[in-house]
Amino acid sequence: MNSSNIRDHLLRIRLSQAELCQLEALASKAGITKSELVRDHIGQTKINNDPANRERLVILGRINANLQQIARWVHETKTPIETTAVLSHLIALEREISEL
């Protein structure tokens, strides 16, 4: 074993009984140890608290609130010309959002 593969660090974590059972079941199903399962998944997990993702979610939340206000206005408005103009802007916004 070369020096880059020496495993001399220990990770100790707390798990609930359900989490431990899930980890053991996954390892057993794969035919590997719990340690091998954890090592196998390093770099393959998706981090949900990425600051860039949080910022995107904040922006999308604001856009969603604005779109809801516009949709409410469209349903309450009686003039078809104004409604058509707003709907064309909404379609343009939809295209921009899909590019995010």
PDB file of N, CA and C in Angstrom:
ATOM      1  N   MET A   1       0.857  -1.176   0.000  1.00  0.00           N
ATOM      2  CA  MET A   1       0.000   0.000   0.000  1.00  0.00           C
ATOM      3  C   MET A   1       0.899   1.234   0.000  1.00  0.00           C
ATOM      4  N   ASN A   2       0.704   2.133  -0.970  1.00  0.00           N
ATOM      5  CA  ASN A   2       1.544   3.322  -0.989  1.00  0.00           C
ATOM      6  C   ASN A   2       1.048   4.333   0.041  1.00  0.00           C
ATOM      7  N   SER A   3       1.852   5.380   0.299  1.00  0.00           N
ATOM      8  CA  SER A   3       1.555   6.317   1.381  1.00  0.00           C
ATOM      9  C   SER A   3       0.255   7.101   1.174  1.00  0.00           C
ATOM     10  N   SER A   4      -0.195   7.266  -0.069  1.00  0.00           N
ATOM     11  CA  SER A   4      -1.431   8.011  -0.297  1.00  0.00           C
ATOM     12  C   SER A   4      -2.675   7.186   0.041  1.00  0.00           C
ATOM     13  N   ASN A   5      -2.517   5.869   0.164  1.00  0.00           N
ATOM     14  CA  ASN A   5      -3.659   5.001   0.482  1.00  0.00           C
ATOM     15  C   ASN A   5      -3.711   4.589   1.942  1.00  0.00           C
ATOM     16  N   ILE A   6      -2.794   5.077   2.754  1.00  0.00           N
ATOM     17  CA  ILE A   6      -2.799   4.727   4.175  1.00  0.00           C
ATOM     18  C   ILE A   6      -3.967   5.417   4.845  1.00  0.00           C
ATOM     19  N   ARG A   7      -4.752   4.649   5.541  1.00  0.00           N
ATOM     20  CA  ARG A   7      -5.931   5.193   6.213  1.00  0.00           C
ATOM     21  C   ARG A   7      -5.639   5.290   7.706  1.00  0.00           C
ATOM     22  N   ASP A   8      -5.152   6.445   8.113  1.00  0.00           N
ATOM     23  CA  ASP A   8      -4.821   6.618   9.519  1.00  0.00           C
ATOM     24  C   ASP A   8      -5.706   7.676  10.192  1.00  0.00           C
ATOM     25  N   HIS A   9      -6.808   8.040   9.546  1.00  0.00           N
ATOM     26  CA  HIS A   9      -7.762   8.981  10.136  1.00  0.00           C
ATOM     27  C   HIS A   9      -9.069   8.250  10.392  1.00  0.00           C
ATOM     28  N   LEU A  10      -9.699   8.585  11.502  1.00  0.00           N
ATOM     29  CA  LEU A  10     -10.926   7.923  11.912  1.00  0.00           C
ATOM     30  C   LEU A  10     -12.056   8.942  11.937  1.00  0.00           C
ATOM     31  N   LEU A  11     -13.178   8.593  11.341  1.00  0.00           N
ATOM     32  CA  LEU A  11     -14.367   9.435  11.356  1.00  0.00           C
ATOM     33  C   LEU A  11     -15.369   8.786  12.296  1.00  0.00           C
ATOM     34  N   ARG A  12     -15.797   9.557  13.281  1.00  0.00           N
ATOM     35  CA  ARG A  12     -16.763   9.030  14.236  1.00  0.00           C
ATOM     36  C   ARG A  12     -18.006   9.903  14.159  1.00  0.00           C
ATOM     37  N   ILE A  13     -19.154   9.307  13.860  1.00  0.00           N
ATOM     38  CA  ILE A  13     -20.391  10.076  13.708  1.00  0.00           C
ATOM     39  C   ILE A  13     -21.501   9.460  14.547  1.00  0.00           C
ATOM     40  N   ARG A  14     -22.485  10.271  14.866  1.00  0.00           N
ATOM     41  CA  ARG A  14     -23.661   9.784  15.593  1.00  0.00           C
ATOM     42  C   ARG A  14     -24.782   9.541  14.585  1.00  0.00           C
ATOM     43  N   LEU A  15     -25.459   8.422  14.716  1.00  0.00           N
ATOM     44  CA  LEU A  15     -26.583   8.070  13.856  1.00  0.00           C
ATOM     45  C   LEU A  15     -27.758   7.655  14.720  1.00  0.00           C
ATOM     46  N   SER A  16     -28.953   7.878  14.221  1.00  0.00           N
ATOM     47  CA  SER A  16     -30.134   7.331  14.885  1.00  0.00           C
ATOM     48  C   SER A  16     -30.168   5.831  14.588  1.00  0.00           C
ATOM     49  N   GLN A  17     -31.020   5.122  15.296  1.00  0.00           N
ATOM     50  CA  GLN A  17     -31.151   3.678  15.053  1.00  0.00           C
ATOM     51  C   GLN A  17     -31.602   3.429  13.616  1.00  0.00           C
ATOM     52  N   ALA A  18     -32.519   4.250  13.126  1.00  0.00           N
ATOM     53  CA  ALA A  18     -33.019   4.089  11.750  1.00  0.00           C
ATOM     54  C   ALA A  18     -31.909   4.345  10.734  1.00  0.00           C
ATOM     55  N   GLU A  19     -31.094   5.370  10.973  1.00  0.00           N
ATOM     56  CA  GLU A  19     -30.004   5.678  10.052  1.00  0.00           C
ATOM     57  C   GLU A  19     -28.964   4.563  10.042  1.00  0.00           C
ATOM     58  N   LEU A  20     -28.658   4.027  11.230  1.00  0.00           N
ATOM     59  CA  LEU A  20     -27.693   2.927  11.312  1.00  0.00           C
ATOM     60  C   LEU A  20     -28.232   1.702  10.571  1.00  0.00           C
ATOM     61  N   CYS A  21     -29.502   1.394  10.764  1.00  0.00           N
ATOM     62  CA  CYS A  21     -30.098   0.246  10.064  1.00  0.00           C
ATOM     63  C   CYS A  21     -30.058   0.450   8.548  1.00  0.00           C
ATOM     64  N   GLN A  22     -30.318   1.673   8.116  1.00  0.00           N
ATOM     65  CA  GLN A  22     -30.277   1.961   6.684  1.00  0.00           C
ATOM     66  C   GLN A  22     -28.852   1.796   6.149  1.00  0.00           C
ATOM     67  N   LEU A  23     -27.859   2.299   6.872  1.00  0.00           N
ATOM     68  CA  LEU A  23     -26.464   2.165   6.462  1.00  0.00           C
ATOM     69  C   LEU A  23     -26.053   0.694   6.402  1.00  0.00           C
ATOM     70  N   GLU A  24     -26.425  -0.060   7.427  1.00  0.00           N
ATOM     71  CA  GLU A  24     -26.089  -1.490   7.453  1.00  0.00           C
ATOM     72  C   GLU A  24     -26.768  -2.236   6.311  1.00  0.00           C
ATOM     73  N   ALA A  25     -28.017  -1.902   6.018  1.00  0.00           N
ATOM     74  CA  ALA A  25     -28.742  -2.572   4.938  1.00  0.00           C
ATOM     75  C   ALA A  25     -28.108  -2.273   3.589  1.00  0.00           C
ATOM     76  N   LEU A  26     -27.724  -1.008   3.375  1.00  0.00           N
ATOM     77  CA  LEU A  26     -27.077  -0.643   2.107  1.00  0.00           C
ATOM     78  C   LEU A  26     -25.745  -1.368   1.942  1.00  0.00           C
ATOM     79  N   ALA A  27     -24.961  -1.410   3.014  1.00  0.00           N
ATOM     80  CA  ALA A  27     -23.663  -2.079   2.948  1.00  0.00           C
ATOM     81  C   ALA A  27     -23.842  -3.576   2.712  1.00  0.00           C
ATOM     82  N   SER A  28     -24.795  -4.157   3.422  1.00  0.00           N
ATOM     83  CA  SER A  28     -25.047  -5.592   3.274  1.00  0.00           C
ATOM     84  C   SER A  28     -25.509  -5.926   1.855  1.00  0.00           C
ATOM     85  N   LYS A  29     -26.406  -5.116   1.328  1.00  0.00           N
ATOM     86  CA  LYS A  29     -26.921  -5.342  -0.026  1.00  0.00           C
ATOM     87  C   LYS A  29     -25.791  -5.255  -1.058  1.00  0.00           C
ATOM     88  N   ALA A  30     -24.838  -4.328  -0.825  1.00  0.00           N
ATOM     89  CA  ALA A  30     -23.715  -4.165  -1.751  1.00  0.00           C
ATOM     90  C   ALA A  30     -22.603  -5.168  -1.487  1.00  0.00           C
ATOM     91  N   GLY A  31     -22.693  -5.891  -0.363  1.00  0.00           N
ATOM     92  CA  GLY A  31     -21.659  -6.872  -0.029  1.00  0.00           C
ATOM     93  C   GLY A  31     -20.346  -6.242   0.414  1.00  0.00           C
ATOM     94  N   ILE A  32     -20.437  -5.068   1.051  1.00  0.00           N
ATOM     95  CA  ILE A  32     -19.237  -4.372   1.522  1.00  0.00           C
ATOM     96  C   ILE A  32     -19.443  -3.925   2.965  1.00  0.00           C
ATOM     97  N   THR A  33     -18.360  -3.463   3.581  1.00  0.00           N
ATOM     98  CA  THR A  33     -18.469  -2.966   4.950  1.00  0.00           C
ATOM     99  C   THR A  33     -19.066  -1.561   4.944  1.00  0.00           C
ATOM    100  N   LYS A  34     -19.495  -1.120   6.135  1.00  0.00           N
ATOM    101  CA  LYS A  34     -20.023   0.246   6.255  1.00  0.00           C
ATOM    102  C   LYS A  34     -18.951   1.265   5.895  1.00  0.00           C
ATOM    103  N   SER A  35     -17.735   1.016   6.288  1.00  0.00           N
ATOM    104  CA  SER A  35     -16.631   1.933   5.964  1.00  0.00           C
ATOM    105  C   SER A  35     -16.423   2.021   4.455  1.00  0.00           C
ATOM    106  N   GLU A  36     -16.450   0.863   3.799  1.00  0.00           N
ATOM    107  CA  GLU A  36     -16.283   0.861   2.342  1.00  0.00           C
ATOM    108  C   GLU A  36     -17.424   1.618   1.668  1.00  0.00           C
ATOM    109  N   LEU A  37     -18.628   1.460   2.207  1.00  0.00           N
ATOM    110  CA  LEU A  37     -19.782   2.162   1.646  1.00  0.00           C
ATOM    111  C   LEU A  37     -19.590   3.671   1.750  1.00  0.00           C
ATOM    112  N   VAL A  38     -19.160   4.142   2.904  1.00  0.00           N
ATOM    113  CA  VAL A  38     -18.939   5.580   3.092  1.00  0.00           C
ATOM    114  C   VAL A  38     -17.822   6.064   2.170  1.00  0.00           C
ATOM    115  N   ARG A  39     -16.710   5.341   2.127  1.00  0.00           N
ATOM    116  CA  ARG A  39     -15.589   5.734   1.253  1.00  0.00           C
ATOM    117  C   ARG A  39     -16.013   5.743  -0.211  1.00  0.00           C
ATOM    118  N   ASP A  40     -16.826   4.767  -0.598  1.00  0.00           N
ATOM    119  CA  ASP A  40     -17.307   4.685  -1.985  1.00  0.00           C
ATOM    120  C   ASP A  40     -18.116   5.916  -2.388  1.00  0.00           C
ATOM    121  N   HIS A  41     -18.797   6.514  -1.432  1.00  0.00           N
ATOM    122  CA  HIS A  41     -19.701   7.616  -1.748  1.00  0.00           C
ATOM    123  C   HIS A  41     -19.069   9.000  -1.584  1.00  0.00           C
ATOM    124  N   ILE A  42     -17.814   9.055  -1.191  1.00  0.00           N
ATOM    125  CA  ILE A  42     -17.126  10.344  -1.093  1.00  0.00           C
ATOM    126  C   ILE A  42     -17.029  10.926  -2.499  1.00  0.00           C
ATOM    127  N   GLY A  43     -17.463  12.152  -2.631  1.00  0.00           N
ATOM    128  CA  GLY A  43     -17.423  12.820  -3.933  1.00  0.00           C
ATOM    129  C   GLY A  43     -18.610  12.519  -4.825  1.00  0.00           C
ATOM    130  N   GLN A  44     -19.476  11.618  -4.400  1.00  0.00           N
ATOM    131  CA  GLN A  44     -20.627  11.257  -5.225  1.00  0.00           C
ATOM    132  C   GLN A  44     -21.937  11.783  -4.651  1.00  0.00           C
ATOM    133  N   THR A  45     -21.862  12.463  -3.523  1.00  0.00           N
ATOM    134  CA  THR A  45     -23.084  12.965  -2.903  1.00  0.00           C
ATOM    135  C   THR A  45     -23.356  14.394  -3.330  1.00  0.00           C
ATOM    136  N   LYS A  46     -24.611  14.758  -3.314  1.00  0.00           N
ATOM    137  CA  LYS A  46     -25.022  16.114  -3.679  1.00  0.00           C
ATOM    138  C   LYS A  46     -25.186  16.906  -2.385  1.00  0.00           C
ATOM    139  N   ILE A  47     -24.500  18.032  -2.307  1.00  0.00           N
ATOM    140  CA  ILE A  47     -24.594  18.881  -1.140  1.00  0.00           C
ATOM    141  C   ILE A  47     -25.774  19.834  -1.334  1.00  0.00           C
ATOM    142  N   ASN A  48     -26.717  19.802  -0.396  1.00  0.00           N
ATOM    143  CA  ASN A  48     -27.930  20.594  -0.544  1.00  0.00           C
ATOM    144  C   ASN A  48     -27.802  22.013  -0.002  1.00  0.00           C
ATOM    145  N   ASN A  49     -26.773  22.291   0.781  1.00  0.00           N
ATOM    146  CA  ASN A  49     -26.669  23.618   1.373  1.00  0.00           C
ATOM    147  C   ASN A  49     -25.604  24.474   0.686  1.00  0.00           C
ATOM    148  N   ASP A  50     -25.410  24.262  -0.597  1.00  0.00           N
ATOM    149  CA  ASP A  50     -24.472  25.046  -1.388  1.00  0.00           C
ATOM    150  C   ASP A  50     -24.958  26.491  -1.454  1.00  0.00           C
ATOM    151  N   PRO A  51     -24.117  27.480  -1.118  1.00  0.00           N
ATOM    152  CA  PRO A  51     -24.549  28.887  -1.136  1.00  0.00           C
ATOM    153  C   PRO A  51     -25.109  29.337  -2.486  1.00  0.00           C
ATOM    154  N   ALA A  52     -24.541  28.858  -3.572  1.00  0.00           N
ATOM    155  CA  ALA A  52     -25.048  29.231  -4.901  1.00  0.00           C
ATOM    156  C   ALA A  52     -26.471  28.709  -5.094  1.00  0.00           C
ATOM    157  N   ASN A  53     -26.727  27.485  -4.631  1.00  0.00           N
ATOM    158  CA  ASN A  53     -28.085  26.933  -4.734  1.00  0.00           C
ATOM    159  C   ASN A  53     -29.062  27.712  -3.871  1.00  0.00           C
ATOM    160  N   ARG A  54     -28.620  28.096  -2.664  1.00  0.00           N
ATOM    161  CA  ARG A  54     -29.492  28.869  -1.786  1.00  0.00           C
ATOM    162  C   ARG A  54     -29.868  30.200  -2.432  1.00  0.00           C
ATOM    163  N   GLU A  55     -28.892  30.865  -3.030  1.00  0.00           N
ATOM    164  CA  GLU A  55     -29.152  32.144  -3.692  1.00  0.00           C
ATOM    165  C   GLU A  55     -30.127  31.957  -4.852  1.00  0.00           C
ATOM    166  N   ARG A  56     -29.951  30.890  -5.618  1.00  0.00           N
ATOM    167  CA  ARG A  56     -30.868  30.594  -6.719  1.00  0.00           C
ATOM    168  C   ARG A  56     -32.286  30.357  -6.206  1.00  0.00           C
ATOM    169  N   LEU A  57     -32.402  29.635  -5.101  1.00  0.00           N
ATOM    170  CA  LEU A  57     -33.720  29.367  -4.527  1.00  0.00           C
ATOM    171  C   LEU A  57     -34.382  30.647  -4.032  1.00  0.00           C
ATOM    172  N   VAL A  58     -33.601  31.551  -3.463  1.00  0.00           N
ATOM    173  CA  VAL A  58     -34.142  32.837  -3.015  1.00  0.00           C
ATOM    174  C   VAL A  58     -34.680  33.614  -4.205  1.00  0.00           C
ATOM    175  N   ILE A  59     -33.892  33.668  -5.277  1.00  0.00           N
ATOM    176  CA  ILE A  59     -34.312  34.389  -6.486  1.00  0.00           C
ATOM    177  C   ILE A  59     -35.572  33.764  -7.072  1.00  0.00           C
ATOM    178  N   LEU A  60     -35.586  32.437  -7.166  1.00  0.00           N
ATOM    179  CA  LEU A  60     -36.765  31.755  -7.714  1.00  0.00           C
ATOM    180  C   LEU A  60     -37.985  31.973  -6.830  1.00  0.00           C
ATOM    181  N   GLY A  61     -37.786  32.042  -5.515  1.00  0.00           N
ATOM    182  CA  GLY A  61     -38.898  32.320  -4.599  1.00  0.00           C
ATOM    183  C   GLY A  61     -39.489  33.697  -4.839  1.00  0.00           C
ATOM    184  N   ARG A  62     -38.614  34.682  -5.059  1.00  0.00           N
ATOM    185  CA  ARG A  62     -39.097  36.035  -5.354  1.00  0.00           C
ATOM    186  C   ARG A  62     -39.844  36.068  -6.686  1.00  0.00           C
ATOM    187  N   ILE A  63     -39.286  35.390  -7.687  1.00  0.00           N
ATOM    188  CA  ILE A  63     -39.942  35.338  -8.998  1.00  0.00           C
ATOM    189  C   ILE A  63     -41.310  34.682  -8.860  1.00  0.00           C
ATOM    190  N   ASN A  64     -41.376  33.607  -8.090  1.00  0.00           N
ATOM    191  CA  ASN A  64     -42.635  32.898  -7.887  1.00  0.00           C
ATOM    192  C   ASN A  64     -43.674  33.815  -7.245  1.00  0.00           C
ATOM    193  N   ALA A  65     -43.273  34.574  -6.232  1.00  0.00           N
ATOM    194  CA  ALA A  65     -44.210  35.491  -5.569  1.00  0.00           C
ATOM    195  C   ALA A  65     -44.724  36.537  -6.549  1.00  0.00           C
ATOM    196  N   ASN A  66     -43.826  37.071  -7.365  1.00  0.00           N
ATOM    197  CA  ASN A  66     -44.236  38.070  -8.356  1.00  0.00           C
ATOM    198  C   ASN A  66     -45.180  37.470  -9.385  1.00  0.00           C
ATOM    199  N   LEU A  67     -44.877  36.256  -9.831  1.00  0.00           N
ATOM    200  CA  LEU A  67     -45.743  35.610 -10.823  1.00  0.00           C
ATOM    201  C   LEU A  67     -47.127  35.329 -10.249  1.00  0.00           C
ATOM    202  N   GLN A  68     -47.182  34.980  -8.972  1.00  0.00           N
ATOM    203  CA  GLN A  68     -48.489  34.749  -8.348  1.00  0.00           C
ATOM    204  C   GLN A  68     -49.309  36.032  -8.297  1.00  0.00           C
ATOM    205  N   GLN A  69     -48.649  37.146  -7.991  1.00  0.00           N
ATOM    206  CA  GLN A  69     -49.345  38.436  -7.983  1.00  0.00           C
ATOM    207  C   GLN A  69     -49.857  38.786  -9.378  1.00  0.00           C
ATOM    208  N   ILE A  70     -49.027  38.549 -10.375  1.00  0.00           N
ATOM    209  CA  ILE A  70     -49.431  38.839 -11.757  1.00  0.00           C
ATOM    210  C   ILE A  70     -50.586  37.940 -12.168  1.00  0.00           C
ATOM    211  N   ALA A  71     -50.503  36.666 -11.833  1.00  0.00           N
ATOM    212  CA  ALA A  71     -51.579  35.730 -12.189  1.00  0.00           C
ATOM    213  C   ALA A  71     -52.888  36.158 -11.532  1.00  0.00           C
ATOM    214  N   ARG A  72     -52.834  36.594 -10.272  1.00  0.00           N
ATOM    215  CA  ARG A  72     -54.033  37.068  -9.594  1.00  0.00           C
ATOM    216  C   ARG A  72     -54.611  38.281 -10.325  1.00  0.00           C
ATOM    217  N   TRP A  73     -53.731  39.196 -10.740  1.00  0.00           N
ATOM    218  CA  TRP A  73     -54.173  40.385 -11.468  1.00  0.00           C
ATOM    219  C   TRP A  73     -54.846  39.994 -12.782  1.00  0.00           C
ATOM    220  N   VAL A  74     -54.224  39.052 -13.502  1.00  0.00           N
ATOM    221  CA  VAL A  74     -54.777  38.613 -14.787  1.00  0.00           C
ATOM    222  C   VAL A  74     -56.180  38.052 -14.600  1.00  0.00           C
ATOM    223  N   HIS A  75     -56.391  37.273 -13.536  1.00  0.00           N
ATOM    224  CA  HIS A  75     -57.706  36.665 -13.310  1.00  0.00           C
ATOM    225  C   HIS A  75     -58.754  37.698 -12.896  1.00  0.00           C
ATOM    226  N   GLU A  76     -58.311  38.792 -12.258  1.00  0.00           N
ATOM    227  CA  GLU A  76     -59.249  39.804 -11.779  1.00  0.00           C
ATOM    228  C   GLU A  76     -59.526  40.891 -12.817  1.00  0.00           C
ATOM    229  N   THR A  77     -58.687  41.025 -13.827  1.00  0.00           N
ATOM    230  CA  THR A  77     -58.812  42.104 -14.811  1.00  0.00           C
ATOM    231  C   THR A  77     -59.894  41.780 -15.827  1.00  0.00           C
ATOM    232  N   LYS A  78     -60.613  42.829 -16.207  1.00  0.00           N
ATOM    233  CA  LYS A  78     -61.721  42.630 -17.145  1.00  0.00           C
ATOM    234  C   LYS A  78     -61.347  42.976 -18.587  1.00  0.00           C
ATOM    235  N   THR A  79     -60.246  43.708 -18.801  1.00  0.00           N
ATOM    236  CA  THR A  79     -59.918  44.116 -20.164  1.00  0.00           C
ATOM    237  C   THR A  79     -58.979  43.108 -20.813  1.00  0.00           C
ATOM    238  N   PRO A  80     -59.402  42.505 -21.917  1.00  0.00           N
ATOM    239  CA  PRO A  80     -58.589  41.481 -22.579  1.00  0.00           C
ATOM    240  C   PRO A  80     -57.280  42.021 -23.153  1.00  0.00           C
ATOM    241  N   ILE A  81     -57.256  43.285 -23.548  1.00  0.00           N
ATOM    242  CA  ILE A  81     -56.034  43.836 -24.144  1.00  0.00           C
ATOM    243  C   ILE A  81     -54.915  43.878 -23.111  1.00  0.00           C
ATOM    244  N   GLU A  82     -55.211  44.372 -21.907  1.00  0.00           N
ATOM    245  CA  GLU A  82     -54.200  44.413 -20.846  1.00  0.00           C
ATOM    246  C   GLU A  82     -53.756  43.005 -20.463  1.00  0.00           C
ATOM    247  N   THR A  83     -54.716  42.112 -20.361  1.00  0.00           N
ATOM    248  CA  THR A  83     -54.405  40.730 -20.005  1.00  0.00           C
ATOM    249  C   THR A  83     -53.487  40.099 -21.043  1.00  0.00           C
ATOM    250  N   THR A  84     -53.744  40.344 -22.311  1.00  0.00           N
ATOM    251  CA  THR A  84     -52.915  39.802 -23.381  1.00  0.00           C
ATOM    252  C   THR A  84     -51.489  40.336 -23.286  1.00  0.00           C
ATOM    253  N   ALA A  85     -51.352  41.621 -23.009  1.00  0.00           N
ATOM    254  CA  ALA A  85     -50.018  42.225 -22.873  1.00  0.00           C
ATOM    255  C   ALA A  85     -49.259  41.591 -21.709  1.00  0.00           C
ATOM    256  N   VAL A  86     -49.934  41.414 -20.589  1.00  0.00           N
ATOM    257  CA  VAL A  86     -49.288  40.810 -19.422  1.00  0.00           C
ATOM    258  C   VAL A  86     -48.897  39.370 -19.729  1.00  0.00           C
ATOM    259  N   LEU A  87     -49.774  38.639 -20.382  1.00  0.00           N
ATOM    260  CA  LEU A  87     -49.467  37.249 -20.711  1.00  0.00           C
ATOM    261  C   LEU A  87     -48.255  37.144 -21.634  1.00  0.00           C
ATOM    262  N   SER A  88     -48.115  38.072 -22.570  1.00  0.00           N
ATOM    263  CA  SER A  88     -46.943  38.031 -23.447  1.00  0.00           C
ATOM    264  C   SER A  88     -45.663  38.282 -22.643  1.00  0.00           C
ATOM    265  N   HIS A  89     -45.736  39.162 -21.644  1.00  0.00           N
ATOM    266  CA  HIS A  89     -44.574  39.392 -20.774  1.00  0.00           C
ATOM    267  C   HIS A  89     -44.280  38.152 -19.924  1.00  0.00           C
ATOM    268  N   LEU A  90     -45.330  37.492 -19.477  1.00  0.00           N
ATOM    269  CA  LEU A  90     -45.140  36.267 -18.683  1.00  0.00           C
ATOM    270  C   LEU A  90     -44.452  35.179 -19.510  1.00  0.00           C
ATOM    271  N   ILE A  91     -44.814  35.073 -20.760  1.00  0.00           N
ATOM    272  CA  ILE A  91     -44.185  34.080 -21.640  1.00  0.00           C
ATOM    273  C   ILE A  91     -42.703  34.393 -21.803  1.00  0.00           C
ATOM    274  N   ALA A  92     -42.382  35.684 -21.943  1.00  0.00           N
ATOM    275  CA  ALA A  92     -40.976  36.086 -22.050  1.00  0.00           C
ATOM    276  C   ALA A  92     -40.223  35.757 -20.767  1.00  0.00           C
ATOM    277  N   LEU A  93     -40.870  36.002 -19.619  1.00  0.00           N
ATOM    278  CA  LEU A  93     -40.241  35.659 -18.337  1.00  0.00           C
ATOM    279  C   LEU A  93     -40.007  34.160 -18.215  1.00  0.00           C
ATOM    280  N   GLU A  94     -40.984  33.388 -18.654  1.00  0.00           N
ATOM    281  CA  GLU A  94     -40.853  31.932 -18.604  1.00  0.00           C
ATOM    282  C   GLU A  94     -39.633  31.471 -19.387  1.00  0.00           C
ATOM    283  N   ARG A  95     -39.421  32.066 -20.530  1.00  0.00           N
ATOM    284  CA  ARG A  95     -38.249  31.708 -21.351  1.00  0.00           C
ATOM    285  C   ARG A  95     -36.949  32.052 -20.615  1.00  0.00           C
ATOM    286  N   GLU A  96     -36.931  33.229 -19.980  1.00  0.00           N
ATOM    287  CA  GLU A  96     -35.726  33.632 -19.251  1.00  0.00           C
ATOM    288  C   GLU A  96     -35.456  32.713 -18.066  1.00  0.00           C
ATOM    289  N   ILE A  97     -36.509  32.353 -17.346  1.00  0.00           N
ATOM    290  CA  ILE A  97     -36.361  31.477 -16.176  1.00  0.00           C
ATOM    291  C   ILE A  97     -35.868  30.104 -16.593  1.00  0.00           C
ATOM    292  N   SER A  98     -36.340  29.606 -17.720  1.00  0.00           N
ATOM    293  CA  SER A  98     -35.914  28.272 -18.170  1.00  0.00           C
ATOM    294  C   SER A  98     -34.433  28.239 -18.502  1.00  0.00           C
ATOM    295  N   GLU A  99     -33.844  29.413 -18.754  1.00  0.00           N
ATOM    296  CA  GLU A  99     -32.425  29.487 -19.047  1.00  0.00           C
ATOM    297  C   GLU A  99     -31.560  29.496 -17.791  1.00  0.00           C
ATOM    298  N   LEU A 100     -32.195  29.700 -16.624  1.00  0.00           N
ATOM    299  CA  LEU A 100     -31.432  29.678 -15.370  1.00  0.00           C
ATOM    300  C   LEU A 100     -30.916  28.327 -15.148  1.00  0.00           C
TER     301      LEU A 100
END
